[in-house]
Amino acid sequence: MKRTTNKYQKAYMTAKARVQEIESRQEAIEKKYISDNDIVNPDGSVPEFLYCMEDDAAFEKANDECAALISAAGLETELLSARSALKIAEDHLIAYGLSLAPAGVRATLEKAVQHNAATRAKVLDLAFRLDVSTVSA
């Protein structure tokens, strides 16, 4: 069976999954904080996340306390490290994708991915979805 992914795609998948896992752990801490502290909006609804709180003063207090909980759990530094690894994996995957482009197009795209987030995202998506079994070695 032919491989359909390469090391750059695998590294990107792993790094992206790591960032998402840490972010979901942070969200769980936030939701637990909301539940444990019986936080309710003035209209009686329970905010899904802290940023959905309508009382600004209560939000500031809750945000500070929740940030301290996240930091104490070590998730803040974990997330920074994971995002850094994701950025490196993205750069490698983009470089791989651009290496497959014709020379004239490559020069234009190399400039665009540095200055345009939409172009960067599109090149990243295309390089990630590429079936490498169709690329000659």
Protein backbone atom coordinates (compact mmCIF):
# COMPACT_ATOMS: atom_id res chain seq x y z
CA MET A 1 0.00 0.00 0.00
CA LYS A 2 1.36 3.40 -0.94
CA ARG A 3 1.87 6.09 1.65
CA THR A 4 -0.48 9.01 1.24
CA THR A 5 1.24 11.35 3.73
CA ASN A 6 4.82 12.42 4.30
CA LYS A 7 6.82 13.52 7.34
CA TYR A 8 5.81 17.17 6.94
CA GLN A 9 2.11 16.35 6.85
CA LYS A 10 2.46 14.01 9.84
CA ALA A 11 4.38 16.61 11.84
CA TYR A 12 1.70 19.20 11.07
CA MET A 13 -1.11 16.82 12.06
CA THR A 14 0.61 15.98 15.33
CA ALA A 15 1.39 19.60 16.20
CA LYS A 16 -2.13 20.78 15.37
CA ALA A 17 -3.68 17.98 17.44
CA ARG A 18 -1.43 18.90 20.38
CA VAL A 19 -2.54 22.55 20.27
CA GLN A 20 -6.20 21.52 20.06
CA GLU A 21 -5.79 19.10 22.98
CA ILE A 22 -4.27 21.77 25.23
CA GLU A 23 -6.92 24.31 24.21
CA SER A 24 -9.66 21.81 25.06
CA ARG A 25 -8.12 21.26 28.50
CA GLN A 26 -8.14 25.04 29.02
CA GLU A 27 -11.78 25.20 27.96
CA ALA A 28 -12.61 22.42 30.43
CA ILE A 29 -11.00 24.42 33.25
CA GLU A 30 -12.98 27.49 32.18
CA LYS A 31 -16.28 25.60 32.05
CA LYS A 32 -15.59 24.02 35.44
CA TYR A 33 -14.84 27.47 36.86
CA ILE A 34 -18.15 28.79 35.51
CA SER A 35 -20.01 25.83 36.98
CA ASP A 36 -18.23 25.84 40.36
CA ASN A 37 -18.80 29.57 40.84
CA ASP A 38 -22.42 29.54 39.64
CA ILE A 39 -21.78 32.28 37.09
CA VAL A 40 -24.97 33.52 35.48
CA ASN A 41 -25.67 36.40 33.11
CA PRO A 42 -28.24 39.04 34.11
CA ASP A 43 -30.80 37.40 31.81
CA GLY A 44 -30.41 34.11 33.73
CA SER A 45 -28.43 32.27 31.07
CA VAL A 46 -25.23 30.43 31.95
CA PRO A 47 -22.35 31.63 29.76
CA GLU A 48 -20.64 28.85 27.80
CA PHE A 49 -17.27 30.61 28.09
CA LEU A 50 -15.97 33.48 30.22
CA TYR A 51 -15.99 35.85 27.25
CA CYS A 52 -19.76 35.32 27.03
CA MET A 53 -20.26 36.98 30.42
CA GLU A 54 -22.21 40.23 30.19
CA ASP A 55 -21.07 41.82 33.47
CA ASP A 56 -17.68 43.40 32.70
CA ALA A 57 -16.53 43.65 36.33
CA ALA A 58 -17.43 40.03 37.03
CA PHE A 59 -15.72 39.02 33.79
CA GLU A 60 -12.46 40.74 34.78
CA LYS A 61 -12.45 38.96 38.16
CA ALA A 62 -13.38 35.58 36.67
CA ASN A 63 -10.87 35.96 33.84
CA ASP A 64 -8.02 36.72 36.26
CA GLU A 65 -8.91 33.79 38.52
CA CYS A 66 -9.37 31.37 35.63
CA ALA A 67 -6.08 32.48 34.05
CA ALA A 68 -4.36 31.74 37.35
CA LEU A 69 -5.87 28.24 37.38
CA ILE A 70 -4.74 27.61 33.80
CA SER A 71 -1.26 28.90 34.57
CA ALA A 72 -1.04 26.80 37.75
CA ALA A 73 -1.92 23.72 35.70
CA GLY A 74 1.02 24.52 33.41
CA LEU A 75 -1.20 24.84 30.37
CA GLU A 76 -0.09 28.36 29.50
CA THR A 77 3.54 27.38 28.89
CA GLU A 78 2.46 24.10 27.27
CA LEU A 79 0.28 26.00 24.82
CA LEU A 80 3.03 28.48 23.95
CA SER A 81 5.40 25.60 23.27
CA ALA A 82 2.81 23.69 21.23
CA ARG A 83 1.95 26.77 19.16
CA SER A 84 5.63 27.33 18.47
CA ALA A 85 5.98 23.72 17.30
CA LEU A 86 2.85 24.15 15.14
CA LYS A 87 4.30 27.28 13.50
CA ILE A 88 7.50 25.39 12.66
CA ALA A 89 5.50 22.43 11.27
CA GLU A 90 3.38 24.83 9.20
CA ASP A 91 6.49 26.52 7.79
CA HIS A 92 8.00 23.16 6.81
CA LEU A 93 4.77 21.97 5.20
CA ILE A 94 4.40 25.23 3.27
CA ALA A 95 8.02 24.99 2.10
CA TYR A 96 7.36 21.43 0.93
CA GLY A 97 4.21 22.49 -0.91
CA LEU A 98 5.98 25.39 -2.56
CA SER A 99 8.84 23.14 -3.64
CA LEU A 100 6.35 21.31 -5.86
CA ALA A 101 5.14 24.48 -7.59
CA PRO A 102 6.61 25.63 -10.91
CA ALA A 103 9.45 28.15 -10.50
CA GLY A 104 7.48 31.17 -11.76
CA VAL A 105 4.54 30.50 -9.51
CA ARG A 106 6.76 29.55 -6.57
CA ALA A 107 8.44 32.97 -6.41
CA THR A 108 5.07 34.73 -6.31
CA LEU A 109 3.65 32.35 -3.70
CA GLU A 110 6.74 32.57 -1.47
CA LYS A 111 6.23 36.33 -1.17
CA ALA A 112 2.48 35.98 -0.70
CA VAL A 113 2.65 33.42 2.13
CA GLN A 114 4.89 35.80 4.08
CA HIS A 115 2.54 38.77 3.82
CA ASN A 116 -0.95 37.39 3.30
CA ALA A 117 -2.62 35.16 5.90
CA ALA A 118 -5.28 33.93 3.46
CA THR A 119 -2.66 32.81 0.94
CA ARG A 120 -0.65 31.16 3.72
CA ALA A 121 -3.73 29.28 4.89
CA LYS A 122 -4.62 28.18 1.36
CA VAL A 123 -1.10 26.92 0.56
CA LEU A 124 -0.99 25.16 3.92
CA ASP A 125 -4.35 23.50 3.27
CA LEU A 126 -3.37 22.37 -0.23
CA ALA A 127 -0.01 20.99 0.95
CA PHE A 128 -1.71 19.18 3.81
CA ARG A 129 -4.41 17.59 1.64
CA LEU A 130 -1.90 16.52 -1.03
CA ASP A 131 -1.77 12.76 -1.62
CA VAL A 132 2.01 12.29 -1.69
CA SER A 133 1.68 8.96 -3.48
CA THR A 134 0.94 11.04 -6.58
CA VAL A 135 4.21 13.00 -6.29
CA SER A 136 7.31 11.56 -7.95
CA ALA A 137 10.29 11.26 -5.64
